PDB file of N, CA and C in Angstrom:
ATOM      1  N   MET A   1     112.144  83.135 108.645  1.00  0.00           N
ATOM      2  CA  MET A   1     111.690  84.405 107.953  1.00  0.00           C
ATOM      3  C   MET A   1     110.534  83.976 107.257  1.00  0.00           C
ATOM      4  N   ASP A   2     109.321  84.559 107.393  1.00  0.00           N
ATOM      5  CA  ASP A   2     108.053  84.488 106.729  1.00  0.00           C
ATOM      6  C   ASP A   2     108.072  85.490 105.656  1.00  0.00           C
ATOM      7  N   ASN A   3     108.214  85.095 104.240  1.00  0.00           N
ATOM      8  CA  ASN A   3     107.911  86.052 103.179  1.00  0.00           C
ATOM      9  C   ASN A   3     106.827  85.471 102.410  1.00  0.00           C
ATOM     10  N   LYS A   4     105.823  86.485 101.994  1.00  0.00           N
ATOM     11  CA  LYS A   4     104.683  86.574 101.346  1.00  0.00           C
ATOM     12  C   LYS A   4     104.582  87.211  99.980  1.00  0.00           C
ATOM     13  N   PHE A   5     104.320  86.987  98.803  1.00  0.00           N
ATOM     14  CA  PHE A   5     104.010  87.710  97.900  1.00  0.00           C
ATOM     15  C   PHE A   5     102.695  87.980  97.837  1.00  0.00           C
ATOM     16  N   ARG A   6     102.221  89.505  97.695  1.00  0.00           N
ATOM     17  CA  ARG A   6     100.781  89.845  97.778  1.00  0.00           C
ATOM     18  C   ARG A   6     100.678  90.925  96.907  1.00  0.00           C
ATOM     19  N   GLY A   7     101.042  91.057  95.670  1.00  0.00           N
ATOM     20  CA  GLY A   7     100.939  91.925  94.744  1.00  0.00           C
ATOM     21  C   GLY A   7     101.677  93.101  94.883  1.00  0.00           C
ATOM     22  N   ILE A   8     102.856  92.825  96.035  1.00  0.00           N
ATOM     23  CA  ILE A   8     104.002  93.710  96.031  1.00  0.00           C
ATOM     24  C   ILE A   8     105.202  92.713  96.339  1.00  0.00           C
ATOM     25  N   ASN A   9     106.253  93.167  96.051  1.00  0.00           N
ATOM     26  CA  ASN A   9     107.375  92.212  95.974  1.00  0.00           C
ATOM     27  C   ASN A   9     107.642  91.126  97.103  1.00  0.00           C
ATOM     28  N   MET A  10     107.747  91.783  98.513  1.00  0.00           N
ATOM     29  CA  MET A  10     107.954  90.878  99.471  1.00  0.00           C
ATOM     30  C   MET A  10     107.385  91.499 100.807  1.00  0.00           C
ATOM     31  N   ILE A  11     107.101  90.471 101.508  1.00  0.00           N
ATOM     32  CA  ILE A  11     106.553  90.867 102.964  1.00  0.00           C
ATOM     33  C   ILE A  11     107.522  90.202 103.813  1.00  0.00           C
ATOM     34  N   THR A  12     108.189  90.535 104.889  1.00  0.00           N
ATOM     35  CA  THR A  12     108.870  89.753 105.708  1.00  0.00           C
ATOM     36  C   THR A  12     108.641  90.253 107.020  1.00  0.00           C
ATOM     37  N   TRP A  13     108.382  88.947 107.864  1.00  0.00           N
ATOM     38  CA  TRP A  13     108.089  89.225 109.324  1.00  0.00           C
ATOM     39  C   TRP A  13     109.543  88.990 110.167  1.00  0.00           C
ATOM     40  N   ASN A  14     109.562  89.845 111.348  1.00  0.00           N
ATOM     41  CA  ASN A  14     110.712  89.457 112.080  1.00  0.00           C
ATOM     42  C   ASN A  14     110.399  89.463 113.431  1.00  0.00           C
ATOM     43  N   ILE A  15     111.107  89.109 114.651  1.00  0.00           N
ATOM     44  CA  ILE A  15     110.964  89.264 116.139  1.00  0.00           C
ATOM     45  C   ILE A  15     112.313  89.891 116.359  1.00  0.00           C
ATOM     46  N   SER A  16     111.878  91.323 116.908  1.00  0.00           N
ATOM     47  CA  SER A  16     113.075  91.835 117.114  1.00  0.00           C
ATOM     48  C   SER A  16     113.779  91.758 118.646  1.00  0.00           C
ATOM     49  N   GLN A  17     112.951  91.324 119.306  1.00  0.00           N
ATOM     50  CA  GLN A  17     113.238  91.062 120.796  1.00  0.00           C
ATOM     51  C   GLN A  17     112.165  90.381 121.680  1.00  0.00           C
ATOM     52  N   LEU A  18     112.818  89.430 122.606  1.00  0.00           N
ATOM     53  CA  LEU A  18     111.969  88.778 123.371  1.00  0.00           C
ATOM     54  C   LEU A  18     112.016  89.074 124.864  1.00  0.00           C
ATOM     55  N   ASP A  19     111.124  89.491 125.641  1.00  0.00           N
ATOM     56  CA  ASP A  19     111.268  89.934 127.175  1.00  0.00           C
ATOM     57  C   ASP A  19     110.846  88.525 128.019  1.00  0.00           C
ATOM     58  N   ARG A  20     111.824  88.164 128.866  1.00  0.00           N
ATOM     59  CA  ARG A  20     111.382  86.912 129.462  1.00  0.00           C
ATOM     60  C   ARG A  20     111.829  87.126 131.231  1.00  0.00           C
ATOM     61  N   GLN A  21     111.086  86.256 131.751  1.00  0.00           N
ATOM     62  CA  GLN A  21     111.492  86.154 133.170  1.00  0.00           C
ATOM     63  C   GLN A  21     112.771  85.546 133.325  1.00  0.00           C
ATOM     64  N   ILE A  22     113.734  85.917 134.165  1.00  0.00           N
ATOM     65  CA  ILE A  22     114.759  85.468 134.651  1.00  0.00           C
ATOM     66  C   ILE A  22     114.609  84.020 135.251  1.00  0.00           C
ATOM     67  N   SER A  23     113.844  84.062 136.203  1.00  0.00           N
ATOM     68  CA  SER A  23     113.648  82.895 137.104  1.00  0.00           C
ATOM     69  C   SER A  23     113.212  81.362 136.442  1.00  0.00           C
ATOM     70  N   ASP A  24     112.436  81.671 135.377  1.00  0.00           N
ATOM     71  CA  ASP A  24     112.043  80.570 134.635  1.00  0.00           C
ATOM     72  C   ASP A  24     112.256  80.419 133.044  1.00  0.00           C
ATOM     73  N   GLY A  25     112.634  81.706 132.664  1.00  0.00           N
ATOM     74  CA  GLY A  25     112.795  81.735 131.105  1.00  0.00           C
ATOM     75  C   GLY A  25     111.288  82.003 130.283  1.00  0.00           C
ATOM     76  N   PHE A  26     110.310  82.134 130.980  1.00  0.00           N
ATOM     77  CA  PHE A  26     109.079  82.261 130.808  1.00  0.00           C
ATOM     78  C   PHE A  26     109.072  83.486 129.753  1.00  0.00           C
ATOM     79  N   VAL A  27     108.537  83.673 128.458  1.00  0.00           N
ATOM     80  CA  VAL A  27     108.568  84.811 127.455  1.00  0.00           C
ATOM     81  C   VAL A  27     107.377  85.494 127.865  1.00  0.00           C
ATOM     82  N   THR A  28     107.459  86.650 127.979  1.00  0.00           N
ATOM     83  CA  THR A  28     106.247  87.585 128.558  1.00  0.00           C
ATOM     84  C   THR A  28     105.866  88.655 127.257  1.00  0.00           C
ATOM     85  N   GLN A  29     106.800  88.782 126.404  1.00  0.00           N
ATOM     86  CA  GLN A  29     106.500  89.843 125.462  1.00  0.00           C
ATOM     87  C   GLN A  29     107.228  89.311 124.259  1.00  0.00           C
ATOM     88  N   ALA A  30     106.852  89.492 122.883  1.00  0.00           N
ATOM     89  CA  ALA A  30     107.651  89.389 121.640  1.00  0.00           C
ATOM     90  C   ALA A  30     107.483  90.716 120.887  1.00  0.00           C
ATOM     91  N   HIS A  31     108.502  91.314 120.619  1.00  0.00           N
ATOM     92  CA  HIS A  31     108.433  92.713 119.838  1.00  0.00           C
ATOM     93  C   HIS A  31     108.562  92.072 118.205  1.00  0.00           C
ATOM     94  N   TRP A  32     107.649  92.478 117.575  1.00  0.00           N
ATOM     95  CA  TRP A  32     107.589  92.049 116.086  1.00  0.00           C
ATOM     96  C   TRP A  32     107.679  93.284 115.148  1.00  0.00           C
ATOM     97  N   GLN A  33     107.843  93.049 113.851  1.00  0.00           N
ATOM     98  CA  GLN A  33     108.091  93.962 112.969  1.00  0.00           C
ATOM     99  C   GLN A  33     107.501  93.177 111.587  1.00  0.00           C
ATOM    100  N   ALA A  34     106.812  93.803 110.650  1.00  0.00           N
ATOM    101  CA  ALA A  34     106.467  93.267 109.535  1.00  0.00           C
ATOM    102  C   ALA A  34     107.050  94.421 108.400  1.00  0.00           C
ATOM    103  N   ASN A  35     107.690  94.035 107.497  1.00  0.00           N
ATOM    104  CA  ASN A  35     108.044  94.967 106.456  1.00  0.00           C
ATOM    105  C   ASN A  35     107.739  94.607 105.164  1.00  0.00           C
ATOM    106  N   ALA A  36     107.511  95.363 104.501  1.00  0.00           N
ATOM    107  CA  ALA A  36     106.991  94.918 102.813  1.00  0.00           C
ATOM    108  C   ALA A  36     108.007  96.201 101.748  1.00  0.00           C
ATOM    109  N   ALA A  37     108.336  95.684 100.716  1.00  0.00           N
ATOM    110  CA  ALA A  37     109.292  96.320  99.842  1.00  0.00           C
ATOM    111  C   ALA A  37     108.566  96.094  98.465  1.00  0.00           C
ATOM    112  N   ASP A  38     108.922  97.005  97.416  1.00  0.00           N
ATOM    113  CA  ASP A  38     108.342  96.775  96.277  1.00  0.00           C
ATOM    114  C   ASP A  38     108.816  97.924  95.283  1.00  0.00           C
ATOM    115  N   GLU A  39     109.766  97.737  94.198  1.00  0.00           N
ATOM    116  CA  GLU A  39     110.280  98.552  93.268  1.00  0.00           C
ATOM    117  C   GLU A  39     110.946  99.923  94.079  1.00  0.00           C
ATOM    118  N   GLY A  40     111.397  99.937  95.150  1.00  0.00           N
ATOM    119  CA  GLY A  40     112.152 100.912  96.055  1.00  0.00           C
ATOM    120  C   GLY A  40     111.070 101.575  96.941  1.00  0.00           C
ATOM    121  N   TYR A  41     109.929 101.223  97.162  1.00  0.00           N
ATOM    122  CA  TYR A  41     108.938 101.676  97.994  1.00  0.00           C
ATOM    123  C   TYR A  41     108.936 100.717  99.283  1.00  0.00           C
ATOM    124  N   THR A  42     109.021 101.153 100.519  1.00  0.00           N
ATOM    125  CA  THR A  42     109.010 100.336 101.614  1.00  0.00           C
ATOM    126  C   THR A  42     107.820 100.674 102.712  1.00  0.00           C
ATOM    127  N   ALA A  43     107.535  99.800 103.618  1.00  0.00           N
ATOM    128  CA  ALA A  43     106.686 100.194 104.517  1.00  0.00           C
ATOM    129  C   ALA A  43     106.910  99.323 105.856  1.00  0.00           C
ATOM    130  N   SER A  44     106.499  99.416 106.886  1.00  0.00           N
ATOM    131  CA  SER A  44     106.586  98.722 108.080  1.00  0.00           C
ATOM    132  C   SER A  44     105.632  98.965 109.156  1.00  0.00           C
ATOM    133  N   ILE A  45     105.297  98.010 109.710  1.00  0.00           N
ATOM    134  CA  ILE A  45     104.469  97.775 110.935  1.00  0.00           C
ATOM    135  C   ILE A  45     105.191  97.507 112.136  1.00  0.00           C
ATOM    136  N   ILE A  46     105.245  97.775 113.310  1.00  0.00           N
ATOM    137  CA  ILE A  46     105.918  97.201 114.507  1.00  0.00           C
ATOM    138  C   ILE A  46     104.587  96.930 115.705  1.00  0.00           C
ATOM    139  N   GLY A  47     105.033  96.320 116.797  1.00  0.00           N
ATOM    140  CA  GLY A  47     104.214  95.746 117.626  1.00  0.00           C
ATOM    141  C   GLY A  47     104.562  94.814 118.687  1.00  0.00           C
ATOM    142  N   VAL A  48     103.809  94.880 119.617  1.00  0.00           N
ATOM    143  CA  VAL A  48     104.322  93.713 120.751  1.00  0.00           C
ATOM    144  C   VAL A  48     103.010  92.937 121.018  1.00  0.00           C
ATOM    145  N   CYS A  49     103.481  91.711 121.283  1.00  0.00           N
ATOM    146  CA  CYS A  49     102.400  90.740 121.857  1.00  0.00           C
ATOM    147  C   CYS A  49     102.578  90.264 123.313  1.00  0.00           C
ATOM    148  N   ALA A  50     101.683  90.187 124.072  1.00  0.00           N
ATOM    149  CA  ALA A  50     102.173  89.719 125.410  1.00  0.00           C
ATOM    150  C   ALA A  50     101.147  88.665 125.797  1.00  0.00           C
ATOM    151  N   TRP A  51     101.888  87.818 126.949  1.00  0.00           N
ATOM    152  CA  TRP A  51     101.319  86.361 127.401  1.00  0.00           C
ATOM    153  C   TRP A  51     101.497  86.603 128.845  1.00  0.00           C
ATOM    154  N   SER A  52     100.241  85.917 129.501  1.00  0.00           N
ATOM    155  CA  SER A  52     100.149  85.845 130.842  1.00  0.00           C
ATOM    156  C   SER A  52     100.908  84.627 131.140  1.00  0.00           C
ATOM    157  N   ASN A  53     101.349  84.291 132.512  1.00  0.00           N
ATOM    158  CA  ASN A  53     102.244  83.129 133.045  1.00  0.00           C
ATOM    159  C   ASN A  53     101.752  81.769 132.420  1.00  0.00           C
ATOM    160  N   ALA A  54     100.600  81.563 132.065  1.00  0.00           N
ATOM    161  CA  ALA A  54     100.003  80.249 131.916  1.00  0.00           C
ATOM    162  C   ALA A  54     100.482  79.805 130.451  1.00  0.00           C
ATOM    163  N   SER A  55     100.647  80.582 129.419  1.00  0.00           N
ATOM    164  CA  SER A  55     101.109  80.159 128.001  1.00  0.00           C
ATOM    165  C   SER A  55     102.087  81.158 127.570  1.00  0.00           C
ATOM    166  N   PRO A  56     102.632  81.001 126.320  1.00  0.00           N
ATOM    167  CA  PRO A  56     103.146  79.537 125.824  1.00  0.00           C
ATOM    168  C   PRO A  56     104.073  79.001 126.878  1.00  0.00           C
ATOM    169  N   THR A  57     104.314  77.692 126.629  1.00  0.00           N
ATOM    170  CA  THR A  57     105.095  77.086 127.446  1.00  0.00           C
ATOM    171  C   THR A  57     106.305  76.466 127.188  1.00  0.00           C
ATOM    172  N   ILE A  58     106.975  76.802 125.917  1.00  0.00           N
ATOM    173  CA  ILE A  58     108.112  75.995 125.412  1.00  0.00           C
ATOM    174  C   ILE A  58     109.249  76.692 125.942  1.00  0.00           C
ATOM    175  N   PRO A  59     110.132  75.880 126.572  1.00  0.00           N
ATOM    176  CA  PRO A  59     111.502  76.591 127.120  1.00  0.00           C
ATOM    177  C   PRO A  59     111.878  77.702 126.164  1.00  0.00           C
ATOM    178  N   TYR A  60     112.512  78.629 126.973  1.00  0.00           N
ATOM    179  CA  TYR A  60     113.289  79.776 126.207  1.00  0.00           C
ATOM    180  C   TYR A  60     114.385  79.288 125.406  1.00  0.00           C
ATOM    181  N   ALA A  61     115.244  78.436 125.612  1.00  0.00           N
ATOM    182  CA  ALA A  61     116.237  77.876 124.856  1.00  0.00           C
ATOM    183  C   ALA A  61     115.968  76.864 123.762  1.00  0.00           C
ATOM    184  N   GLU A  62     114.773  76.559 123.496  1.00  0.00           N
ATOM    185  CA  GLU A  62     114.331  75.816 122.574  1.00  0.00           C
ATOM    186  C   GLU A  62     113.239  76.799 121.262  1.00  0.00           C
ATOM    187  N   LEU A  63     113.108  78.148 121.729  1.00  0.00           N
ATOM    188  CA  LEU A  63     112.319  78.663 120.954  1.00  0.00           C
ATOM    189  C   LEU A  63     113.011  78.902 119.509  1.00  0.00           C
ATOM    190  N   THR A  64     112.197  79.184 118.447  1.00  0.00           N
ATOM    191  CA  THR A  64     112.723  79.780 117.058  1.00  0.00           C
ATOM    192  C   THR A  64     111.986  80.772 116.713  1.00  0.00           C
ATOM    193  N   LYS A  65     112.289  81.454 115.745  1.00  0.00           N
ATOM    194  CA  LYS A  65     111.522  82.632 115.236  1.00  0.00           C
ATOM    195  C   LYS A  65     110.224  82.229 114.553  1.00  0.00           C
ATOM    196  N   ASP A  66     110.209  80.962 114.023  1.00  0.00           N
ATOM    197  CA  ASP A  66     109.095  80.533 113.572  1.00  0.00           C
ATOM    198  C   ASP A  66     107.742  80.078 114.722  1.00  0.00           C
ATOM    199  N   ILE A  67     108.275  79.706 115.689  1.00  0.00           N
ATOM    200  CA  ILE A  67     107.490  79.356 116.736  1.00  0.00           C
ATOM    201  C   ILE A  67     106.816  80.547 117.399  1.00  0.00           C
ATOM    202  N   VAL A  68     107.735  81.448 117.733  1.00  0.00           N
ATOM    203  CA  VAL A  68     107.502  82.885 118.096  1.00  0.00           C
ATOM    204  C   VAL A  68     106.153  83.489 117.179  1.00  0.00           C
ATOM    205  N   LEU A  69     106.638  83.697 115.765  1.00  0.00           N
ATOM    206  CA  LEU A  69     105.727  84.273 115.154  1.00  0.00           C
ATOM    207  C   LEU A  69     104.291  83.487 115.087  1.00  0.00           C
ATOM    208  N   GLY A  70     104.247  81.860 115.218  1.00  0.00           N
ATOM    209  CA  GLY A  70     103.059  81.371 115.353  1.00  0.00           C
ATOM    210  C   GLY A  70     102.290  81.637 116.534  1.00  0.00           C
ATOM    211  N   TRP A  71     103.110  82.132 117.678  1.00  0.00           N
ATOM    212  CA  TRP A  71     102.499  82.653 118.684  1.00  0.00           C
ATOM    213  C   TRP A  71     101.715  83.830 118.538  1.00  0.00           C
ATOM    214  N   ILE A  72     102.422  84.741 117.917  1.00  0.00           N
ATOM    215  CA  ILE A  72     101.761  86.115 117.816  1.00  0.00           C
ATOM    216  C   ILE A  72     100.580  86.230 116.822  1.00  0.00           C
ATOM    217  N   TRP A  73     100.765  85.336 115.643  1.00  0.00           N
ATOM    218  CA  TRP A  73      99.452  85.296 114.944  1.00  0.00           C
ATOM    219  C   TRP A  73      98.340  84.558 115.521  1.00  0.00           C
ATOM    220  N   LYS A  74      98.574  83.473 116.517  1.00  0.00           N
ATOM    221  CA  LYS A  74      97.543  82.792 117.256  1.00  0.00           C
ATOM    222  C   LYS A  74      97.106  83.827 118.326  1.00  0.00           C
ATOM    223  N   ASP A  75      97.752  84.517 118.938  1.00  0.00           N
ATOM    224  CA  ASP A  75      97.405  85.163 120.209  1.00  0.00           C
ATOM    225  C   ASP A  75      97.177  87.001 120.182  1.00  0.00           C
ATOM    226  N   GLY A  76      96.584  87.260 118.867  1.00  0.00           N
ATOM    227  CA  GLY A  76      96.118  88.566 118.693  1.00  0.00           C
ATOM    228  C   GLY A  76      96.685  89.597 117.747  1.00  0.00           C
ATOM    229  N   VAL A  77      97.839  89.058 116.762  1.00  0.00           N
ATOM    230  CA  VAL A  77      98.167  89.695 115.781  1.00  0.00           C
ATOM    231  C   VAL A  77      97.386  89.181 114.478  1.00  0.00           C
ATOM    232  N   ASP A  78      96.626  89.890 113.688  1.00  0.00           N
ATOM    233  CA  ASP A  78      95.948  89.442 112.410  1.00  0.00           C
ATOM    234  C   ASP A  78      96.970  89.673 111.497  1.00  0.00           C
ATOM    235  N   LYS A  79      97.638  88.493 111.108  1.00  0.00           N
ATOM    236  CA  LYS A  79      98.776  88.422 110.043  1.00  0.00           C
ATOM    237  C   LYS A  79      98.103  88.922 108.569  1.00  0.00           C
ATOM    238  N   ASP A  80      96.765  88.571 108.364  1.00  0.00           N
ATOM    239  CA  ASP A  80      96.202  88.795 106.953  1.00  0.00           C
ATOM    240  C   ASP A  80      95.963  90.303 106.855  1.00  0.00           C
ATOM    241  N   ALA A  81      95.610  91.154 108.055  1.00  0.00           N
ATOM    242  CA  ALA A  81      95.150  92.403 108.015  1.00  0.00           C
ATOM    243  C   ALA A  81      96.573  93.390 108.077  1.00  0.00           C
ATOM    244  N   VAL A  82      97.615  92.934 108.989  1.00  0.00           N
ATOM    245  CA  VAL A  82      98.770  93.653 108.816  1.00  0.00           C
ATOM    246  C   VAL A  82      99.519  93.537 107.424  1.00  0.00           C
ATOM    247  N   GLU A  83      99.275  92.284 106.498  1.00  0.00           N
ATOM    248  CA  GLU A  83      99.948  92.423 105.281  1.00  0.00           C
ATOM    249  C   GLU A  83      99.041  93.108 104.436  1.00  0.00           C
ATOM    250  N   ALA A  84      97.914  93.295 104.643  1.00  0.00           N
ATOM    251  CA  ALA A  84      96.850  94.116 103.776  1.00  0.00           C
ATOM    252  C   ALA A  84      97.293  95.501 103.897  1.00  0.00           C
ATOM    253  N   SER A  85      97.415  96.003 105.224  1.00  0.00           N
ATOM    254  CA  SER A  85      97.874  97.262 105.646  1.00  0.00           C
ATOM    255  C   SER A  85      99.142  97.711 104.990  1.00  0.00           C
ATOM    256  N   LEU A  86     100.019  96.912 104.619  1.00  0.00           N
ATOM    257  CA  LEU A  86     101.350  97.045 104.303  1.00  0.00           C
ATOM    258  C   LEU A  86     101.259  97.065 102.742  1.00  0.00           C
ATOM    259  N   THR A  87     100.306  96.212 102.134  1.00  0.00           N
ATOM    260  CA  THR A  87     100.222  96.359 100.651  1.00  0.00           C
ATOM    261  C   THR A  87      99.400  97.716 100.543  1.00  0.00           C
ATOM    262  N   THR A  88      98.614  98.149 101.210  1.00  0.00           N
ATOM    263  CA  THR A  88      97.851  99.409 100.984  1.00  0.00           C
ATOM    264  C   THR A  88      98.901 100.705 101.044  1.00  0.00           C
ATOM    265  N   GLN A  89      99.738 100.673 102.055  1.00  0.00           N
ATOM    266  CA  GLN A  89     100.826 101.605 102.376  1.00  0.00           C
ATOM    267  C   GLN A  89     101.819 101.806 100.956  1.00  0.00           C
ATOM    268  N   ILE A  90     102.164 100.556 100.423  1.00  0.00           N
ATOM    269  CA  ILE A  90     102.977 100.609  99.069  1.00  0.00           C
ATOM    270  C   ILE A  90     102.052 101.302  98.200  1.00  0.00           C
ATOM    271  N   GLY A  91     100.981 100.775  97.768  1.00  0.00           N
ATOM    272  CA  GLY A  91     100.277 101.187  96.937  1.00  0.00           C
ATOM    273  C   GLY A  91      99.894 102.713  97.077  1.00  0.00           C
ATOM    274  N   GLN A  92      99.650 103.398  98.504  1.00  0.00           N
ATOM    275  CA  GLN A  92      99.631 104.746  98.532  1.00  0.00           C
ATOM    276  C   GLN A  92     100.968 105.486  98.028  1.00  0.00           C
ATOM    277  N   GLN A  93     101.996 104.731  98.307  1.00  0.00           N
ATOM    278  CA  GLN A  93     103.388 105.464  98.020  1.00  0.00           C
ATOM    279  C   GLN A  93     103.500 105.595  96.267  1.00  0.00           C
ATOM    280  N   LYS A  94     102.920 104.611  95.979  1.00  0.00           N
ATOM    281  CA  LYS A  94     103.093 104.368  94.326  1.00  0.00           C
ATOM    282  C   LYS A  94     102.287 105.510  93.590  1.00  0.00           C
ATOM    283  N   ALA A  95     101.060 105.633  94.249  1.00  0.00           N
ATOM    284  CA  ALA A  95      99.923 106.357  93.571  1.00  0.00           C
ATOM    285  C   ALA A  95      99.345 107.219  94.577  1.00  0.00           C
ATOM    286  N   PRO A  96     100.249 108.391  95.060  1.00  0.00           N
ATOM    287  CA  PRO A  96      99.658 109.130  95.988  1.00  0.00           C
ATOM    288  C   PRO A  96      98.695 110.141  95.604  1.00  0.00           C
ATOM    289  N   LYS A  97      97.677 110.195  96.442  1.00  0.00           N
ATOM    290  CA  LYS A  97      96.500 111.146  96.436  1.00  0.00           C
ATOM    291  C   LYS A  97      96.576 112.554  97.001  1.00  0.00           C
ATOM    292  N   ILE A  98      97.678 112.632  97.712  1.00  0.00           N
ATOM    293  CA  ILE A  98      97.838 113.895  98.478  1.00  0.00           C
ATOM    294  C   ILE A  98      99.408 114.372  98.359  1.00  0.00           C
ATOM    295  N   ALA A  99      99.584 115.524  98.071  1.00  0.00           N
ATOM    296  CA  ALA A  99     100.677 116.193  97.970  1.00  0.00           C
ATOM    297  C   ALA A  99     101.149 117.202  99.111  1.00  0.00           C
ATOM    298  N   LYS A 100     102.501 117.172  99.418  1.00  0.00           N
ATOM    299  CA  LYS A 100     102.809 118.055 100.589  1.00  0.00           C
ATOM    300  C   LYS A 100     103.879 118.748 100.049  1.00  0.00           C
ATOM    301  N   GLY A 101     104.049 119.955 100.715  1.00  0.00           N
ATOM    302  CA  GLY A 101     104.985 120.998 100.290  1.00  0.00           C
ATOM    303  C   GLY A 101     104.690 122.421 100.248  1.00  0.00           C
ATOM    304  N   LEU A 102     105.672 123.207  99.713  1.00  0.00           N
ATOM    305  CA  LEU A 102     104.969 124.626  99.650  1.00  0.00           C
ATOM    306  C   LEU A 102     105.477 125.189  98.323  1.00  0.00           C
ATOM    307  N   PRO A 103     104.589 125.941  97.613  1.00  0.00           N
ATOM    308  CA  PRO A 103     104.786 126.426  96.319  1.00  0.00           C
ATOM    309  C   PRO A 103     105.855 127.228  96.136  1.00  0.00           C
ATOM    310  N   TRP A 104     106.500 127.813  97.159  1.00  0.00           N
ATOM    311  CA  TRP A 104     107.745 128.557  96.888  1.00  0.00           C
ATOM    312  C   TRP A 104     109.067 127.901  97.329  1.00  0.00           C
ATOM    313  N   ASN A 105     109.075 126.751  97.442  1.00  0.00           N
ATOM    314  CA  ASN A 105     110.343 125.905  97.567  1.00  0.00           C
ATOM    315  C   ASN A 105     110.557 125.281  96.406  1.00  0.00           C
TER     316      ASN A 105
END
């Protein structure tokens, strides 16, 4: 689990699912989620990263979450941008600029 403090309590990255070919175990997609939490406020971003048959090449049985997170950050998921977005979302919850509702409720 990758945790990073960025002006908010904690950011956690997870892999929720791997899609793989049954014939050779090649991982074709990783479904990921980044979560932030601070003082009761939460934010999440989810996504999917996909690969062609050329890479990555580590056998399925030898994979770890850290290996797959490394792949997604190397191959298209901007870790810093995702974490900055989570930080912004938490900040907007703490100090909202727009209110929603109806005056008669």
